Protein backbone atom coordinates (compact mmCIF):
# COMPACT_ATOMS: atom_id res chain seq x y z
CA MET A 1 0.29 15.18 -39.80
CA GLN A 2 3.80 15.97 -38.61
CA THR A 3 4.43 18.99 -36.46
CA GLU A 4 7.40 21.26 -37.07
CA ALA A 5 9.13 19.75 -34.02
CA GLN A 6 8.60 16.20 -35.33
CA THR A 7 9.95 17.11 -38.76
CA LYS A 8 13.03 18.48 -37.02
CA ILE A 9 13.50 15.25 -35.03
CA ILE A 10 13.26 13.16 -38.21
CA ALA A 11 16.02 15.31 -39.74
CA GLN A 12 18.14 15.06 -36.59
CA ILE A 13 17.84 11.27 -36.49
CA ALA A 14 18.67 10.99 -40.21
CA LEU A 15 21.73 13.23 -39.81
CA LYS A 16 22.97 11.31 -36.79
CA LEU A 17 22.55 7.95 -38.55
CA SER A 18 24.45 9.33 -41.53
CA GLY A 19 27.21 10.57 -39.24
CA LEU A 20 27.41 7.13 -37.64
CA LYS A 21 27.67 5.63 -41.17
CA ILE A 22 24.40 3.71 -40.75
CA LYS A 23 22.41 3.51 -43.97
CA ALA A 24 18.71 3.89 -43.16
CA GLN A 25 15.69 5.45 -44.82
CA TYR A 26 12.83 7.18 -42.97
CA LYS A 27 9.46 5.50 -43.68
CA HIS A 28 6.70 6.81 -41.39
CA MET A 29 5.80 7.78 -37.81
CA HIS A 30 2.96 7.88 -35.32
CA THR A 31 2.28 10.02 -32.27
CA GLY A 32 1.05 8.58 -28.96
CA PRO A 33 0.18 10.12 -25.59
CA LEU A 34 3.74 9.89 -24.23
CA ILE A 35 6.03 9.06 -27.13
CA SER A 36 6.31 9.45 -30.89
CA THR A 37 7.68 6.53 -32.88
CA TYR A 38 9.80 7.06 -35.99
CA TYR A 39 10.25 4.10 -38.33
CA PHE A 40 13.36 3.62 -40.44
CA GLN A 41 14.34 0.85 -42.85
CA LEU A 42 17.96 -0.27 -42.67
CA GLY A 43 20.02 -0.81 -45.74
CA PHE A 44 20.26 -4.45 -46.82
CA ASP A 45 23.92 -4.66 -45.86
CA GLU A 46 23.47 -3.04 -42.41
CA PRO A 47 23.53 -5.37 -39.38
CA ILE A 48 20.78 -4.59 -36.87
CA SER A 49 23.30 -4.65 -34.02
CA LYS A 50 24.93 -1.55 -35.48
CA ILE A 51 21.94 0.66 -34.64
CA MET A 52 20.68 -1.11 -31.50
CA ASN A 53 23.70 0.18 -29.57
CA LYS A 54 23.21 3.81 -30.56
CA SER A 55 20.30 4.88 -28.35
CA GLU A 56 22.38 7.38 -26.37
CA ASP A 57 23.78 8.98 -29.53
CA ILE A 58 20.31 9.42 -30.97
CA ALA A 59 18.92 10.71 -27.67
CA ILE A 60 21.56 13.46 -27.66
CA ALA A 61 20.78 14.28 -31.29
CA CYS A 62 17.07 14.62 -30.44
CA GLY A 63 17.71 16.61 -27.28
CA VAL A 64 15.97 14.16 -24.94
CA ASP A 65 17.07 12.11 -21.93
CA SER A 66 16.56 8.72 -23.57
CA VAL A 67 15.14 6.93 -26.59
CA LEU A 68 14.29 3.30 -27.19
CA ILE A 69 15.41 1.59 -30.39
CA ARG A 70 13.50 -1.60 -31.12
CA ARG A 71 12.84 -3.94 -34.02
CA ALA A 72 9.37 -3.60 -35.56
CA ASN A 73 8.97 -6.38 -38.11
CA ALA A 74 11.07 -5.30 -41.14
CA GLU A 75 11.73 -1.82 -39.76
CA ILE A 76 13.54 -0.14 -36.88
CA ALA A 77 11.34 1.82 -34.47
CA ILE A 78 12.94 4.77 -32.68
CA GLU A 79 10.72 5.86 -29.77
CA VAL A 80 11.25 9.46 -28.68
CA PRO A 81 9.49 11.05 -25.66
CA ASN A 82 7.07 13.86 -26.45
CA LYS A 83 7.89 17.25 -24.96
CA GLU A 84 4.28 17.46 -23.77
CA ARG A 85 3.03 14.15 -22.38
CA SER A 86 -0.56 13.21 -21.62
CA ILE A 87 -1.57 11.50 -18.39
CA VAL A 88 -3.17 8.12 -19.06
CA ASP A 89 -6.62 8.43 -17.48
CA PHE A 90 -7.69 5.45 -15.37
CA SER A 91 -11.41 6.20 -15.72
CA LYS A 92 -11.20 6.18 -19.52
CA CYS A 93 -9.22 2.92 -19.49
CA LEU A 94 -11.80 1.39 -17.16
CA PHE A 95 -14.62 2.52 -19.45
CA ASP A 96 -12.85 0.98 -22.45
CA LEU A 97 -12.22 -2.24 -20.53
CA MET A 98 -15.88 -2.64 -19.63
CA THR A 99 -17.32 -1.71 -23.03
CA ASN A 100 -14.86 -3.54 -25.27
CA SER A 101 -16.31 -6.79 -26.61
CA GLU A 102 -12.98 -8.65 -26.45
CA TYR A 103 -12.09 -7.52 -22.94
CA ARG A 104 -15.56 -8.23 -21.55
CA LYS A 105 -15.12 -11.88 -22.51
CA MET A 106 -11.90 -12.21 -20.50
CA ALA A 107 -12.17 -14.25 -17.32
CA LEU A 108 -9.52 -12.15 -15.53
CA PRO A 109 -8.79 -8.93 -17.47
CA ILE A 110 -5.51 -7.33 -16.36
CA LEU A 111 -5.45 -3.64 -17.26
CA LEU A 112 -2.01 -2.55 -18.47
CA GLY A 113 -2.95 0.98 -19.59
CA VAL A 114 -2.58 2.12 -23.20
CA ASP A 115 -0.29 1.16 -26.08
CA THR A 116 1.93 3.63 -27.90
CA TYR A 117 -1.04 4.64 -30.09
CA GLY A 118 -3.19 5.46 -27.04
CA ASN A 119 -5.47 2.40 -27.28
CA THR A 120 -6.47 0.73 -24.00
CA LYS A 121 -4.72 -2.61 -23.50
CA ALA A 122 -5.60 -5.56 -21.25
CA ILE A 123 -4.49 -9.19 -21.14
CA ASN A 124 -6.28 -12.23 -19.77
CA LEU A 125 -4.53 -13.58 -16.67
CA VAL A 126 -6.08 -17.00 -17.25
CA ASP A 127 -4.11 -17.29 -20.50
CA GLN A 128 -0.82 -15.89 -19.20
CA PRO A 129 -1.19 -17.30 -16.35
CA HIS A 130 1.19 -15.65 -13.82
CA ILE A 131 2.85 -12.22 -13.96
CA LEU A 132 6.19 -10.96 -12.67
CA ILE A 133 6.67 -7.18 -12.39
CA ALA A 134 9.97 -5.40 -11.73
CA GLY A 135 10.80 -1.72 -11.57
CA SER A 136 12.92 0.62 -9.48
CA THR A 137 11.68 3.55 -7.38
CA GLY A 138 9.68 5.94 -9.55
CA GLY A 139 8.98 3.26 -12.14
CA GLY A 140 5.29 3.05 -11.23
CA LYS A 141 5.05 -0.39 -9.65
CA SER A 142 2.58 0.57 -6.91
CA ILE A 143 0.36 2.52 -9.30
CA LEU A 144 0.33 -0.41 -11.74
CA LEU A 145 -0.72 -2.82 -8.97
CA SER A 146 -3.46 -0.40 -7.90
CA SER A 147 -4.67 -0.18 -11.50
CA ILE A 148 -4.72 -3.97 -11.85
CA ILE A 149 -6.59 -4.52 -8.57
CA GLY A 150 -9.03 -1.67 -9.12
CA ALA A 151 -9.93 -2.67 -12.68
CA LEU A 152 -10.30 -6.34 -11.77
CA ALA A 153 -12.55 -5.47 -8.81
CA VAL A 154 -14.82 -3.47 -11.10
CA ALA A 155 -14.79 -6.00 -13.95
CA LYS A 156 -15.54 -9.04 -11.76
CA SER A 157 -17.69 -9.59 -8.68
CA GLU A 158 -16.44 -10.84 -5.32
CA ARG A 159 -18.08 -14.19 -6.16
CA GLU A 160 -15.95 -14.54 -9.30
CA VAL A 161 -12.53 -13.52 -7.95
CA LYS A 162 -10.83 -13.49 -4.54
CA PHE A 163 -7.70 -11.46 -3.76
CA ILE A 164 -4.93 -12.56 -1.44
CA LEU A 165 -2.87 -9.42 -0.83
CA VAL A 166 0.73 -9.83 0.36
CA ASP A 167 2.50 -6.65 1.49
CA THR A 168 5.17 -7.11 4.15
CA LYS A 169 6.02 -3.39 4.02
CA ARG A 170 2.36 -2.53 4.78
CA LEU A 171 2.29 0.47 2.48
CA ASP A 172 0.12 0.10 -0.61
CA LEU A 173 -1.94 -3.09 -0.75
CA PRO A 174 -3.57 -2.51 2.68
CA LEU A 175 -5.54 0.24 0.90
CA PHE A 176 -7.58 -2.56 -0.68
CA GLU A 177 -8.19 -4.61 2.48
CA ASN A 178 -11.83 -3.51 2.66
CA LEU A 179 -12.69 -4.58 -0.86
CA PRO A 180 -15.31 -7.34 -0.76
CA HIS A 181 -13.02 -9.27 -3.13
CA THR A 182 -10.19 -9.38 -0.57
CA PHE A 183 -10.12 -12.87 0.93
CA LYS A 184 -6.96 -12.36 2.99
CA SER A 185 -4.40 -9.62 3.63
CA ILE A 186 -0.94 -10.86 4.65
CA GLU A 187 1.85 -8.85 6.30
CA GLN A 188 4.11 -11.57 7.78
CA VAL A 189 6.18 -14.15 5.93
CA GLU A 190 5.01 -16.98 8.18
CA ASP A 191 1.39 -16.15 7.37
CA PHE A 192 2.32 -16.29 3.68
CA GLN A 193 3.83 -19.75 4.17
CA LYS A 194 0.60 -20.91 5.81
CA ALA A 195 -1.43 -19.36 2.98
CA LEU A 196 0.67 -21.34 0.47
CA ASP A 197 -0.17 -24.51 2.42
CA ASN A 198 -3.87 -23.72 2.15
CA LEU A 199 -3.61 -22.89 -1.55
CA MET A 200 -1.81 -26.16 -2.29
CA GLN A 201 -4.61 -28.03 -0.50
CA LEU A 202 -7.22 -26.07 -2.48
CA VAL A 203 -5.48 -26.86 -5.77
CA ARG A 204 -5.29 -30.58 -5.00
CA LYS A 205 -8.93 -30.67 -3.89
CA ARG A 206 -10.13 -28.89 -7.04
CA THR A 207 -7.96 -31.10 -9.25
CA GLU A 208 -9.52 -34.21 -7.72
CA MET A 209 -13.06 -32.82 -8.10
CA MET A 210 -12.53 -31.92 -11.77
CA LYS A 211 -10.91 -35.23 -12.75
CA GLY A 212 -12.75 -36.68 -15.75
CA ILE A 213 -15.33 -33.86 -15.70
CA ALA A 214 -13.62 -30.60 -16.65
CA ARG A 215 -10.13 -29.55 -17.72
CA ASN A 216 -10.03 -26.39 -15.63
CA SER A 217 -12.07 -24.28 -13.22
CA THR A 218 -13.36 -22.03 -16.01
CA GLU A 219 -14.85 -25.02 -17.80
CA TRP A 220 -16.16 -26.43 -14.51
CA ASN A 221 -18.07 -23.22 -13.78
CA SER A 222 -19.37 -22.85 -17.35
CA LEU A 223 -20.87 -26.35 -17.14
CA GLY A 224 -22.76 -25.33 -14.02
CA HIS A 225 -21.12 -27.77 -11.62
CA SER A 226 -21.21 -27.26 -7.87
CA PRO A 227 -19.49 -25.89 -5.89
CA TYR A 228 -18.67 -22.74 -7.85
CA MET A 229 -14.91 -22.24 -8.11
CA PRO A 230 -13.89 -18.58 -7.85
CA TYR A 231 -10.49 -17.48 -9.11
CA TYR A 232 -7.85 -16.74 -6.50
CA VAL A 233 -5.35 -14.02 -7.43
CA ILE A 234 -2.33 -13.71 -5.13
CA ILE A 235 -0.80 -10.24 -5.42
CA ILE A 236 2.66 -9.77 -3.88
CA ASP A 237 3.80 -6.16 -3.60
CA GLU A 238 7.48 -6.75 -2.79
CA LEU A 239 8.81 -10.19 -3.56
CA ALA A 240 12.40 -9.29 -2.61
CA ASP A 241 11.33 -8.20 0.88
CA LEU A 242 9.30 -11.39 1.32
CA ILE A 243 12.32 -13.52 0.38
CA ALA A 244 14.60 -11.48 2.66
CA GLN A 245 12.21 -11.87 5.60
CA ASP A 246 12.04 -15.60 5.01
CA GLU A 247 15.84 -15.91 4.96
CA GLY A 248 16.17 -13.70 8.04
CA ARG A 249 13.69 -15.77 10.03
CA ARG A 250 15.60 -18.93 9.14
CA LEU A 251 18.83 -17.43 10.48
CA LEU A 252 17.61 -15.63 13.59
CA ASP A 253 14.31 -17.12 14.79
CA LEU A 254 14.60 -20.60 16.26
CA THR A 255 10.81 -20.89 16.47
CA TYR A 256 10.39 -20.44 12.70
CA ASP A 257 9.10 -23.57 11.02
CA GLU A 258 12.06 -24.76 8.94
CA THR A 259 9.99 -27.53 7.39
CA TYR A 260 8.85 -24.86 4.92
CA SER A 261 10.90 -24.68 1.73
CA LYS A 262 12.31 -21.32 0.70
CA ILE A 263 9.86 -18.83 -0.84
CA PRO A 264 11.07 -19.06 -4.49
CA SER A 265 10.82 -22.87 -4.43
CA ARG A 266 7.37 -22.79 -2.85
CA ILE A 267 6.06 -20.27 -5.37
CA ALA A 268 7.51 -22.35 -8.22
CA SER A 269 5.85 -25.50 -6.82
CA LEU A 270 2.48 -23.75 -6.67
CA VAL A 271 2.57 -22.13 -10.12
CA ASN A 272 3.53 -25.47 -11.68
CA ILE A 273 0.18 -27.01 -10.77
CA CYS A 274 -2.30 -24.23 -10.00
CA ARG A 275 -3.27 -22.81 -13.39
CA ALA A 276 -6.07 -25.27 -14.15
CA SER A 277 -7.43 -24.83 -10.63
CA GLY A 278 -7.99 -21.09 -11.02
CA VAL A 279 -5.12 -19.86 -8.83
CA HIS A 280 -2.87 -17.15 -10.27
CA ILE A 281 0.06 -15.09 -8.98
CA ILE A 282 1.09 -11.49 -9.69
CA ALA A 283 4.43 -10.78 -8.00
CA ALA A 284 6.20 -7.42 -8.04
CA THR A 285 9.63 -6.30 -6.87
CA GLN A 286 11.86 -3.23 -6.93
CA ARG A 287 15.00 -5.33 -7.14
CA ALA A 288 15.49 -6.90 -10.56
CA SER A 289 18.47 -8.93 -9.36
CA ALA A 290 19.20 -12.54 -10.29
CA LYS A 291 18.87 -13.48 -6.61
CA VAL A 292 15.22 -12.41 -6.58
CA ILE A 293 14.32 -13.15 -10.19
CA ASN A 294 16.14 -16.45 -10.42
CA GLY A 295 15.60 -19.12 -13.06
CA GLU A 296 13.05 -20.92 -10.91
CA ILE A 297 10.83 -17.84 -10.59
CA LYS A 298 11.40 -16.57 -14.14
CA ASN A 299 10.70 -19.85 -15.93
CA ASN A 300 7.39 -20.33 -14.14
CA MET A 301 6.06 -16.80 -14.70
CA PRO A 302 5.81 -16.46 -18.48
CA THR A 303 4.47 -12.91 -18.48
CA ARG A 304 7.03 -10.40 -17.26
CA ILE A 305 6.63 -6.64 -17.01
CA ALA A 306 9.66 -4.37 -16.83
CA LEU A 307 9.11 -0.85 -15.59
CA ARG A 308 12.07 1.54 -15.56
CA VAL A 309 15.19 -0.11 -14.12
CA PRO A 310 18.69 1.30 -13.48
CA SER A 311 20.72 -0.72 -16.00
CA ARG A 312 20.73 -2.95 -19.06
CA VAL A 313 21.65 -5.88 -16.82
CA ASP A 314 18.44 -5.37 -14.81
CA SER A 315 16.42 -5.12 -18.00
CA THR A 316 17.94 -8.35 -19.31
CA THR A 317 17.22 -10.08 -15.99
CA ILE A 318 13.48 -9.36 -16.18
CA ILE A 319 12.66 -9.47 -19.92
CA SER A 320 15.82 -11.10 -21.37
CA GLU A 321 16.73 -8.02 -23.41
CA ARG A 322 17.74 -4.40 -23.03
CA GLY A 323 15.35 -1.46 -23.17
CA ALA A 324 13.78 -1.04 -19.73
CA GLU A 325 16.71 1.12 -18.61
CA GLY A 326 15.54 3.74 -21.13
CA LEU A 327 11.89 3.91 -20.08
CA LEU A 328 10.33 7.14 -18.84
CA GLY A 329 9.17 5.92 -15.43
CA LYS A 330 5.71 6.51 -13.93
CA GLY A 331 4.14 3.43 -15.48
CA ASP A 332 6.04 3.28 -18.77
CA MET A 333 6.67 -0.45 -19.33
CA LEU A 334 7.84 -3.24 -21.60
CA VAL A 335 5.69 -6.37 -21.45
CA ASP A 336 7.09 -9.76 -22.43
CA SER A 337 4.06 -12.05 -22.70
CA LEU A 338 2.79 -15.11 -24.49
CA GLU A 339 0.93 -12.80 -26.88
CA SER A 340 4.05 -11.62 -28.71
CA SER A 341 7.58 -12.79 -29.42
CA ILE A 342 8.82 -9.20 -28.94
CA PRO A 343 8.24 -7.19 -25.72
CA GLN A 344 5.52 -4.60 -26.27
CA ARG A 345 5.54 -1.08 -24.83
CA TYR A 346 2.58 0.23 -22.83
CA HIS A 347 1.92 3.20 -20.58
CA GLY A 348 0.14 2.51 -17.28
CA ALA A 349 -2.89 4.50 -16.15
CA PHE A 350 -2.58 6.89 -13.23
CA VAL A 351 -4.76 5.80 -10.29
CA SER A 352 -5.42 8.56 -7.77
CA ASN A 353 -6.45 8.13 -4.14
CA SER A 354 -9.93 9.33 -5.10
CA ASP A 355 -10.10 6.58 -7.75
CA ILE A 356 -9.22 4.01 -5.09
CA ALA A 357 -11.77 5.44 -2.65
CA LYS A 358 -14.49 5.31 -5.31
CA ILE A 359 -13.68 1.70 -6.18
CA LEU A 360 -13.75 0.71 -2.51
CA ALA A 361 -17.13 2.35 -2.03
CA GLU A 362 -18.82 1.67 -5.33
CA ALA A 363 -17.11 -1.20 -7.19
CA SER A 364 -20.35 -3.16 -7.61
CA GLU A 365 -22.34 -0.10 -8.71
CA ILE A 366 -19.66 0.98 -11.22
CA ARG A 367 -19.57 -2.54 -12.65
CA GLN A 368 -23.33 -2.64 -13.17
CA GLN A 369 -23.40 0.81 -14.77
CA LEU A 370 -20.59 -0.01 -17.22
CA LYS A 371 -21.91 -3.49 -18.03
CA SER A 372 -25.21 -1.94 -19.08
CA LEU A 373 -23.44 0.03 -21.82
CA PRO A 374 -23.29 -1.45 -25.33
CA GLU A 375 -20.21 -3.38 -26.36
CA VAL A 376 -17.78 -1.84 -28.79
CA VAL A 377 -15.50 -3.63 -31.20
CA LYS A 378 -11.82 -3.51 -30.28
CA GLN A 379 -9.93 -0.92 -32.25
CA GLY A 380 -6.60 -1.63 -33.80
């Protein structure tokens, strides 16, 4: 049921569209924890480009800082921030992740948070199979990484998944060094280069072992073959800083091993061959520039998450279309994945320091408690 404020916003949008000489009819709406979405149907003779450029006009009409205008099948969705916004609770998302029948079947469930309806959303990293995240300061990058690591550590045991944490700024990922899942924590670019060497050797070894027996490590493990092949998830907190350190060492340090290729090329070489071997990369950066997110990186990481960025150019660089410049920050995101031809909007869960401390101390116990609960069918 519409509130008085929502009825007013519908009227304001309709009046603004009329003033802009855009023929559109209001159809329906829904309210989520952070935004309300108003759906309009354009007139048959109205080009979609005519309304897609009017987000600032409509934001002013609604009295808010920003709105997102996106195509939703045969309709136009206008997403307006709620005056009162709910915090997306990490504990509830974790509960949903562990009791949802679809998510419990995922080999590597990546918790994104909730969709615009408030339903918990996760994707399977094995199907994606690598993720690139970009967002400026205040966008929620560090919280999203904490949510991903924390949820994955609870959902899967240290036997099933190993983390390689790469944080050259030594700020956020070191919080998870003491997780039993953490295989290696890396702070120097040269150590990362060596880790890539080891991962390439692991991939080639596993590929040779599986030849003619299994198509991938998941199938190998399900058939009961030995040795067991855990997943390796490499999580890079600041890709731009890693690339800059690599370039700086090449220029200034004569002892640096120049036989190593540059970081983007090495990551591209690994992701080209590592999927079947159970090795996956999640790379994040604050700088959504073409230098960092070049074609080589972008083409090999099919799932891309845009948090709030400064400009349309940055949004286009990460997800190939505008929109991320109008996000709310603090975990609000657009996700361009293999699951949909159109980027989907989600709101990340807030992970507090106490949540992290509890996961570090009790990940195994939490997992057992939640796994003992009955499964629920995924809701729409």
